[in-house]
All heavy atoms as atom14 arrays in JSON, in Angstrom:
{
  "sequence": "VSGPVILSGSRHLLEYEYRDIELHIDIKPALDYDKLDK",
  "atom14_mask": [
    [1, 1, 1, 1, 1, 1, 1, 0, 0, 0, 0, 0, 0, 0],
    [1, 1, 1, 1, 1, 1, 0, 0, 0, 0, 0, 0, 0, 0],
    [1, 1, 1, 1, 0, 0, 0, 0, 0, 0, 0, 0, 0, 0],
    [1, 1, 1, 1, 1, 1, 1, 0, 0, 0, 0, 0, 0, 0],
    [1, 1, 1, 1, 1, 1, 1, 0, 0, 0, 0, 0, 0, 0],
    [1, 1, 1, 1, 1, 1, 1, 1, 0, 0, 0, 0, 0, 0],
    [1, 1, 1, 1, 1, 1, 1, 1, 0, 0, 0, 0, 0, 0],
    [1, 1, 1, 1, 1, 1, 0, 0, 0, 0, 0, 0, 0, 0],
    [1, 1, 1, 1, 0, 0, 0, 0, 0, 0, 0, 0, 0, 0],
    [1, 1, 1, 1, 1, 1, 0, 0, 0, 0, 0, 0, 0, 0],
    [1, 1, 1, 1, 1, 1, 1, 1, 1, 1, 1, 0, 0, 0],
    [1, 1, 1, 1, 1, 1, 1, 1, 1, 1, 0, 0, 0, 0],
    [1, 1, 1, 1, 1, 1, 1, 1, 0, 0, 0, 0, 0, 0],
    [1, 1, 1, 1, 1, 1, 1, 1, 0, 0, 0, 0, 0, 0],
    [1, 1, 1, 1, 1, 1, 1, 1, 1, 0, 0, 0, 0, 0],
    [1, 1, 1, 1, 1, 1, 1, 1, 1, 1, 1, 1, 0, 0],
    [1, 1, 1, 1, 1, 1, 1, 1, 1, 0, 0, 0, 0, 0],
    [1, 1, 1, 1, 1, 1, 1, 1, 1, 1, 1, 1, 0, 0],
    [1, 1, 1, 1, 1, 1, 1, 1, 1, 1, 1, 0, 0, 0],
    [1, 1, 1, 1, 1, 1, 1, 1, 0, 0, 0, 0, 0, 0],
    [1, 1, 1, 1, 1, 1, 1, 1, 0, 0, 0, 0, 0, 0],
    [1, 1, 1, 1, 1, 1, 1, 1, 1, 0, 0, 0, 0, 0],
    [1, 1, 1, 1, 1, 1, 1, 1, 0, 0, 0, 0, 0, 0],
    [1, 1, 1, 1, 1, 1, 1, 1, 1, 1, 0, 0, 0, 0],
    [1, 1, 1, 1, 1, 1, 1, 1, 0, 0, 0, 0, 0, 0],
    [1, 1, 1, 1, 1, 1, 1, 1, 0, 0, 0, 0, 0, 0],
    [1, 1, 1, 1, 1, 1, 1, 1, 0, 0, 0, 0, 0, 0],
    [1, 1, 1, 1, 1, 1, 1, 1, 1, 0, 0, 0, 0, 0],
    [1, 1, 1, 1, 1, 1, 1, 0, 0, 0, 0, 0, 0, 0],
    [1, 1, 1, 1, 1, 0, 0, 0, 0, 0, 0, 0, 0, 0],
    [1, 1, 1, 1, 1, 1, 1, 1, 0, 0, 0, 0, 0, 0],
    [1, 1, 1, 1, 1, 1, 1, 1, 0, 0, 0, 0, 0, 0],
    [1, 1, 1, 1, 1, 1, 1, 1, 1, 1, 1, 1, 0, 0],
    [1, 1, 1, 1, 1, 1, 1, 1, 0, 0, 0, 0, 0, 0],
    [1, 1, 1, 1, 1, 1, 1, 1, 1, 0, 0, 0, 0, 0],
    [1, 1, 1, 1, 1, 1, 1, 1, 0, 0, 0, 0, 0, 0],
    [1, 1, 1, 1, 1, 1, 1, 1, 0, 0, 0, 0, 0, 0],
    [1, 1, 1, 1, 1, 1, 1, 1, 1, 0, 0, 0, 0, 0]
  ],
  "atom14_positions": [
    [[0.84, -1.2, 0.0], [0.0, 0.0, 0.0], [0.87, 1.25, 0.0], [1.98, 1.27, 0.53], [-0.94, 0.02, 1.23], [-2.09, -0.96, 1.05], [-0.19, -0.28, 2.54], [0.0, 0.0, 0.0], [0.0, 0.0, 0.0], [0.0, 0.0, 0.0], [0.0, 0.0, 0.0], [0.0, 0.0, 0.0], [0.0, 0.0, 0.0], [0.0, 0.0, 0.0]],
    [[0.32, 2.32, -0.6], [1.01, 3.6, -0.67], [-0.04, 4.7, -0.64], [-1.17, 4.47, -0.26], [1.88, 3.66, -1.93], [2.68, 4.82, -1.92], [0.0, 0.0, 0.0], [0.0, 0.0, 0.0], [0.0, 0.0, 0.0], [0.0, 0.0, 0.0], [0.0, 0.0, 0.0], [0.0, 0.0, 0.0], [0.0, 0.0, 0.0], [0.0, 0.0, 0.0]],
    [[0.34, 5.9, -1.07], [-0.59, 7.04, -1.04], [-0.4, 7.87, 0.21], [0.19, 7.41, 1.19], [0.0, 0.0, 0.0], [0.0, 0.0, 0.0], [0.0, 0.0, 0.0], [0.0, 0.0, 0.0], [0.0, 0.0, 0.0], [0.0, 0.0, 0.0], [0.0, 0.0, 0.0], [0.0, 0.0, 0.0], [0.0, 0.0, 0.0], [0.0, 0.0, 0.0]],
    [[-0.9, 9.13, 0.22], [-0.61, 10.07, 1.31], [-0.86, 9.55, 2.73], [0.0, 9.7, 3.6], [-1.53, 11.26, 1.01], [-1.73, 11.2, -0.47], [-1.7, 9.74, -0.84], [0.0, 0.0, 0.0], [0.0, 0.0, 0.0], [0.0, 0.0, 0.0], [0.0, 0.0, 0.0], [0.0, 0.0, 0.0], [0.0, 0.0, 0.0], [0.0, 0.0, 0.0]],
    [[-2.02, 8.91, 2.98], [-2.31, 8.49, 4.36], [-1.38, 7.36, 4.8], [-1.03, 7.24, 5.98], [-3.79, 8.08, 4.56], [-4.71, 9.27, 4.36], [-4.2, 6.93, 3.65], [0.0, 0.0, 0.0], [0.0, 0.0, 0.0], [0.0, 0.0, 0.0], [0.0, 0.0, 0.0], [0.0, 0.0, 0.0], [0.0, 0.0, 0.0], [0.0, 0.0, 0.0]],
    [[-0.96, 6.52, 3.86], [-0.06, 5.41, 4.17], [1.35, 5.94, 4.42], [2.02, 5.55, 5.38], [-0.04, 4.37, 3.03], [-1.45, 3.81, 2.78], [0.97, 3.26, 3.32], [-2.06, 3.03, 3.93], [0.0, 0.0, 0.0], [0.0, 0.0, 0.0], [0.0, 0.0, 0.0], [0.0, 0.0, 0.0], [0.0, 0.0, 0.0], [0.0, 0.0, 0.0]],
    [[1.79, 6.86, 3.55], [3.14, 7.42, 3.7], [3.29, 8.11, 5.05], [4.28, 7.9, 5.77], [3.44, 8.4, 2.56], [3.45, 7.81, 1.14], [3.68, 8.9, 0.1], [4.53, 6.73, 0.99], [0.0, 0.0, 0.0], [0.0, 0.0, 0.0], [0.0, 0.0, 0.0], [0.0, 0.0, 0.0], [0.0, 0.0, 0.0], [0.0, 0.0, 0.0]],
    [[2.3, 8.95, 5.4], [2.38, 9.62, 6.71], [2.34, 8.6, 7.84], [3.08, 8.71, 8.81], [1.23, 10.62, 6.87], [1.51, 11.8, 6.16], [0.0, 0.0, 0.0], [0.0, 0.0, 0.0], [0.0, 0.0, 0.0], [0.0, 0.0, 0.0], [0.0, 0.0, 0.0], [0.0, 0.0, 0.0], [0.0, 0.0, 0.0], [0.0, 0.0, 0.0]],
    [[1.48, 7.61, 7.71], [1.36, 6.59, 8.76], [2.64, 5.78, 8.94], [2.97, 5.36, 10.05], [0.0, 0.0, 0.0], [0.0, 0.0, 0.0], [0.0, 0.0, 0.0], [0.0, 0.0, 0.0], [0.0, 0.0, 0.0], [0.0, 0.0, 0.0], [0.0, 0.0, 0.0], [0.0, 0.0, 0.0], [0.0, 0.0, 0.0], [0.0, 0.0, 0.0]],
    [[3.38, 5.6, 7.84], [4.59, 4.76, 7.91], [5.59, 5.28, 8.94], [6.32, 4.52, 9.55], [5.26, 4.67, 6.53], [5.87, 5.91, 6.17], [0.0, 0.0, 0.0], [0.0, 0.0, 0.0], [0.0, 0.0, 0.0], [0.0, 0.0, 0.0], [0.0, 0.0, 0.0], [0.0, 0.0, 0.0], [0.0, 0.0, 0.0], [0.0, 0.0, 0.0]],
    [[5.6, 6.6, 9.14], [6.55, 7.2, 10.1], [6.32, 6.7, 11.53], [7.25, 6.61, 12.31], [6.41, 8.73, 10.04], [7.33, 9.5, 10.99], [8.79, 9.23, 10.66], [9.73, 9.93, 11.52], [10.06, 9.57, 12.75], [9.49, 8.51, 13.3], [10.95, 10.25, 13.45], [0.0, 0.0, 0.0], [0.0, 0.0, 0.0], [0.0, 0.0, 0.0]],
    [[5.07, 6.34, 11.83], [4.72, 5.91, 13.2], [5.08, 4.46, 13.47], [5.0, 4.0, 14.6], [3.23, 6.1, 13.43], [2.81, 7.53, 13.4], [2.58, 8.25, 14.54], [2.62, 8.37, 12.37], [2.25, 9.49, 14.2], [2.27, 9.58, 12.89], [0.0, 0.0, 0.0], [0.0, 0.0, 0.0], [0.0, 0.0, 0.0], [0.0, 0.0, 0.0]],
    [[5.43, 3.72, 12.43], [5.66, 2.29, 12.58], [7.14, 1.95, 12.77], [7.49, 0.82, 13.07], [5.13, 1.53, 11.34], [3.73, 1.94, 10.85], [3.31, 1.06, 9.69], [2.71, 1.86, 11.98], [0.0, 0.0, 0.0], [0.0, 0.0, 0.0], [0.0, 0.0, 0.0], [0.0, 0.0, 0.0], [0.0, 0.0, 0.0], [0.0, 0.0, 0.0]],
    [[8.01, 2.96, 12.58], [9.45, 2.7, 12.59], [9.92, 2.03, 13.87], [10.65, 1.05, 13.84], [10.23, 4.01, 12.4], [10.3, 4.55, 10.97], [11.02, 5.88, 10.95], [11.0, 3.56, 10.06], [0.0, 0.0, 0.0], [0.0, 0.0, 0.0], [0.0, 0.0, 0.0], [0.0, 0.0, 0.0], [0.0, 0.0, 0.0], [0.0, 0.0, 0.0]],
    [[9.49, 2.57, 15.02], [10.01, 2.04, 16.29], [9.5, 0.62, 16.57], [10.04, -0.07, 17.42], [9.69, 2.97, 17.45], [8.21, 3.15, 17.71], [7.95, 4.17, 18.82], [8.18, 3.82, 19.99], [7.5, 5.29, 18.5], [0.0, 0.0, 0.0], [0.0, 0.0, 0.0], [0.0, 0.0, 0.0], [0.0, 0.0, 0.0], [0.0, 0.0, 0.0]],
    [[8.48, 0.19, 15.83], [7.96, -1.17, 16.02], [8.56, -2.15, 15.02], [8.21, -3.34, 15.03], [6.43, -1.17, 15.89], [5.76, -0.34, 16.96], [5.52, 1.02, 16.78], [5.4, -0.91, 18.19], [4.93, 1.79, 17.77], [4.81, -0.16, 19.18], [4.58, 1.19, 18.97], [4.0, 1.95, 19.97], [0.0, 0.0, 0.0], [0.0, 0.0, 0.0]],
    [[9.45, -1.64, 14.16], [10.13, -2.48, 13.15], [9.12, -3.25, 12.28], [9.41, -4.34, 11.8], [11.08, -3.48, 13.83], [12.09, -2.86, 14.78], [13.25, -2.19, 14.07], [13.4, -2.42, 12.86], [13.98, -1.43, 14.72], [0.0, 0.0, 0.0], [0.0, 0.0, 0.0], [0.0, 0.0, 0.0], [0.0, 0.0, 0.0], [0.0, 0.0, 0.0]],
    [[7.92, -2.7, 12.14], [6.85, -3.29, 11.31], [6.38, -4.65, 11.82], [5.75, -5.4, 11.09], [7.29, -3.4, 9.84], [7.81, -2.1, 9.29], [9.16, -1.92, 9.04], [6.95, -1.03, 9.03], [9.65, -0.7, 8.56], [7.42, 0.18, 8.55], [8.77, 0.33, 8.32], [9.25, 1.53, 7.85], [0.0, 0.0, 0.0], [0.0, 0.0, 0.0]],
    [[6.65, -4.96, 13.09], [6.2, -6.25, 13.64], [4.83, -6.1, 14.29], [4.58, -5.12, 15.0], [7.2, -6.75, 14.69], [8.52, -7.19, 14.08], [9.34, -8.02, 15.08], [10.68, -8.21, 14.56], [11.74, -7.52, 14.97], [11.62, -6.62, 15.92], [12.93, -7.74, 14.46], [0.0, 0.0, 0.0], [0.0, 0.0, 0.0], [0.0, 0.0, 0.0]],
    [[3.96, -7.1, 14.07], [2.63, -7.13, 14.7], [1.81, -5.88, 14.39], [1.04, -5.41, 15.23], [2.75, -7.31, 16.23], [3.47, -8.59, 16.6], [3.14, -9.63, 16.02], [4.38, -8.54, 17.45], [0.0, 0.0, 0.0], [0.0, 0.0, 0.0], [0.0, 0.0, 0.0], [0.0, 0.0, 0.0], [0.0, 0.0, 0.0], [0.0, 0.0, 0.0]],
    [[1.99, -5.35, 13.19], [1.23, -4.16, 12.79], [0.14, -4.56, 11.81], [0.39, -5.29, 10.85], [2.15, -3.12, 12.09], [3.37, -2.76, 12.95], [1.35, -1.87, 11.7], [3.11, -1.85, 14.09], [0.0, 0.0, 0.0], [0.0, 0.0, 0.0], [0.0, 0.0, 0.0], [0.0, 0.0, 0.0], [0.0, 0.0, 0.0], [0.0, 0.0, 0.0]],
    [[-1.06, -4.05, 12.07], [-2.18, -4.33, 11.18], [-2.72, -3.01, 10.64], [-2.81, -2.02, 11.37], [-3.27, -5.08, 11.95], [-4.09, -6.0, 11.08], [-4.99, -6.94, 11.91], [-5.19, -6.7, 13.12], [-5.49, -7.89, 11.32], [0.0, 0.0, 0.0], [0.0, 0.0, 0.0], [0.0, 0.0, 0.0], [0.0, 0.0, 0.0], [0.0, 0.0, 0.0]],
    [[-3.07, -3.01, 9.36], [-3.72, -1.86, 8.74], [-5.21, -2.14, 8.66], [-5.62, -3.18, 8.17], [-3.14, -1.64, 7.33], [-3.89, -0.65, 6.42], [-3.87, 0.76, 7.0], [-3.29, -0.66, 5.01], [0.0, 0.0, 0.0], [0.0, 0.0, 0.0], [0.0, 0.0, 0.0], [0.0, 0.0, 0.0], [0.0, 0.0, 0.0], [0.0, 0.0, 0.0]],
    [[-6.0, -1.19, 9.15], [-7.47, -1.29, 9.09], [-7.97, -0.2, 8.16], [-7.65, 0.98, 8.37], [-8.1, -1.07, 10.47], [-7.56, -1.97, 11.54], [-8.31, -2.98, 12.11], [-6.35, -2.01, 12.17], [-7.57, -3.6, 13.03], [-6.39, -3.03, 13.08], [0.0, 0.0, 0.0], [0.0, 0.0, 0.0], [0.0, 0.0, 0.0], [0.0, 0.0, 0.0]],
    [[-8.74, -0.56, 7.16], [-9.29, 0.43, 6.23], [-10.81, 0.45, 6.34], [-11.46, -0.6, 6.2], [-8.9, 0.11, 4.76], [-7.39, -0.04, 4.62], [-9.43, 1.18, 3.81], [-6.95, -0.65, 3.29], [0.0, 0.0, 0.0], [0.0, 0.0, 0.0], [0.0, 0.0, 0.0], [0.0, 0.0, 0.0], [0.0, 0.0, 0.0], [0.0, 0.0, 0.0]],
    [[-11.35, 1.62, 6.61], [-12.8, 1.81, 6.55], [-13.09, 2.33, 5.14], [-12.8, 3.49, 4.83], [-13.24, 2.82, 7.62], [-14.76, 3.02, 7.64], [-15.42, 2.58, 6.67], [-15.27, 3.64, 8.6], [0.0, 0.0, 0.0], [0.0, 0.0, 0.0], [0.0, 0.0, 0.0], [0.0, 0.0, 0.0], [0.0, 0.0, 0.0], [0.0, 0.0, 0.0]],
    [[-13.61, 1.45, 4.3], [-13.83, 1.79, 2.89], [-14.99, 2.76, 2.72], [-15.04, 3.52, 1.76], [-14.05, 0.49, 2.07], [-12.76, -0.37, 2.11], [-14.43, 0.78, 0.62], [-12.94, -1.78, 1.58], [0.0, 0.0, 0.0], [0.0, 0.0, 0.0], [0.0, 0.0, 0.0], [0.0, 0.0, 0.0], [0.0, 0.0, 0.0], [0.0, 0.0, 0.0]],
    [[-15.91, 2.76, 3.68], [-17.08, 3.64, 3.61], [-17.22, 4.48, 4.89], [-18.18, 4.32, 5.67], [-18.36, 2.81, 3.4], [-18.43, 2.1, 2.05], [-18.7, 3.11, 0.94], [-18.64, 2.47, -0.43], [-18.75, 3.5, -1.49], [0.0, 0.0, 0.0], [0.0, 0.0, 0.0], [0.0, 0.0, 0.0], [0.0, 0.0, 0.0], [0.0, 0.0, 0.0]],
    [[-16.27, 5.38, 5.15], [-16.29, 6.12, 6.42], [-17.46, 7.08, 6.58], [-17.81, 7.45, 7.7], [-14.95, 6.89, 6.4], [-14.58, 6.99, 4.96], [-15.13, 5.77, 4.3], [0.0, 0.0, 0.0], [0.0, 0.0, 0.0], [0.0, 0.0, 0.0], [0.0, 0.0, 0.0], [0.0, 0.0, 0.0], [0.0, 0.0, 0.0], [0.0, 0.0, 0.0]],
    [[-18.08, 7.49, 5.46], [-19.21, 8.44, 5.56], [-20.48, 7.76, 6.11], [-21.41, 8.44, 6.53], [-19.5, 9.04, 4.2], [0.0, 0.0, 0.0], [0.0, 0.0, 0.0], [0.0, 0.0, 0.0], [0.0, 0.0, 0.0], [0.0, 0.0, 0.0], [0.0, 0.0, 0.0], [0.0, 0.0, 0.0], [0.0, 0.0, 0.0], [0.0, 0.0, 0.0]],
    [[-20.5, 6.44, 6.11], [-21.67, 5.7, 6.6], [-21.3, 4.91, 7.86], [-20.3, 4.19, 7.85], [-22.17, 4.71, 5.53], [-22.53, 5.3, 4.15], [-22.82, 4.18, 3.17], [-23.72, 6.24, 4.27], [0.0, 0.0, 0.0], [0.0, 0.0, 0.0], [0.0, 0.0, 0.0], [0.0, 0.0, 0.0], [0.0, 0.0, 0.0], [0.0, 0.0, 0.0]],
    [[-22.09, 5.04, 8.93], [-21.82, 4.19, 10.09], [-22.34, 2.77, 9.77], [-22.9, 2.53, 8.7], [-22.45, 4.75, 11.37], [-23.97, 4.88, 11.3], [-24.59, 4.16, 10.47], [-24.54, 5.67, 12.07], [0.0, 0.0, 0.0], [0.0, 0.0, 0.0], [0.0, 0.0, 0.0], [0.0, 0.0, 0.0], [0.0, 0.0, 0.0], [0.0, 0.0, 0.0]],
    [[-22.15, 1.83, 10.69], [-22.5, 0.43, 10.43], [-23.96, 0.29, 10.02], [-24.31, -0.4, 9.06], [-22.21, -0.43, 11.67], [-20.75, -0.81, 11.81], [-19.82, 0.09, 12.33], [-20.3, -2.08, 11.42], [-18.49, -0.25, 12.45], [-18.96, -2.43, 11.54], [-18.05, -1.52, 12.05], [-16.73, -1.86, 12.16], [0.0, 0.0, 0.0], [0.0, 0.0, 0.0]],
    [[-24.82, 0.98, 10.76], [-26.25, 0.87, 10.52], [-26.64, 1.43, 9.14], [-27.38, 0.8, 8.38], [-27.01, 1.61, 11.64], [-28.5, 1.33, 11.59], [-28.85, 0.14, 11.43], [-29.3, 2.28, 11.69], [0.0, 0.0, 0.0], [0.0, 0.0, 0.0], [0.0, 0.0, 0.0], [0.0, 0.0, 0.0], [0.0, 0.0, 0.0], [0.0, 0.0, 0.0]],
    [[-26.09, 2.61, 8.81], [-26.4, 3.23, 7.51], [-25.84, 2.41, 6.35], [-26.47, 2.3, 5.3], [-25.83, 4.66, 7.46], [-26.68, 5.66, 8.24], [-26.16, 7.07, 8.08], [-27.02, 8.05, 8.88], [-26.24, 9.18, 9.38], [0.0, 0.0, 0.0], [0.0, 0.0, 0.0], [0.0, 0.0, 0.0], [0.0, 0.0, 0.0], [0.0, 0.0, 0.0]],
    [[-24.66, 1.84, 6.56], [-24.07, 1.01, 5.51], [-24.92, -0.25, 5.31], [-25.15, -0.68, 4.17], [-22.62, 0.65, 5.85], [-21.89, -0.21, 4.81], [-21.89, 0.44, 3.43], [-20.45, -0.49, 5.25], [0.0, 0.0, 0.0], [0.0, 0.0, 0.0], [0.0, 0.0, 0.0], [0.0, 0.0, 0.0], [0.0, 0.0, 0.0], [0.0, 0.0, 0.0]],
    [[-25.38, -0.82, 6.4], [-26.24, -2.01, 6.3], [-27.51, -1.68, 5.51], [-27.92, -2.43, 4.63], [-26.58, -2.51, 7.71], [-27.38, -3.81, 7.66], [-27.16, -4.61, 6.72], [-28.24, -4.03, 8.53], [0.0, 0.0, 0.0], [0.0, 0.0, 0.0], [0.0, 0.0, 0.0], [0.0, 0.0, 0.0], [0.0, 0.0, 0.0], [0.0, 0.0, 0.0]],
    [[-28.11, -0.52, 5.83], [-29.33, -0.11, 5.11], [-29.02, 0.12, 3.62], [-29.82, -0.24, 2.75], [-29.91, 1.16, 5.73], [-30.6, 0.92, 7.07], [-31.37, 2.16, 7.51], [-32.26, 1.89, 8.71], [-31.55, 1.66, 9.96], [0.0, 0.0, 0.0], [0.0, 0.0, 0.0], [0.0, 0.0, 0.0], [0.0, 0.0, 0.0], [0.0, 0.0, 0.0]]
  ]
}
């Protein structure tokens, strides 16, 4: 993965040496769970 949000985020992962790191993407952030279900 790349792009602005990933590049900025990468700086925060350095001290963890990329171990046990998970990326979570909310593909539809404008809708909460209930609205997305509807």
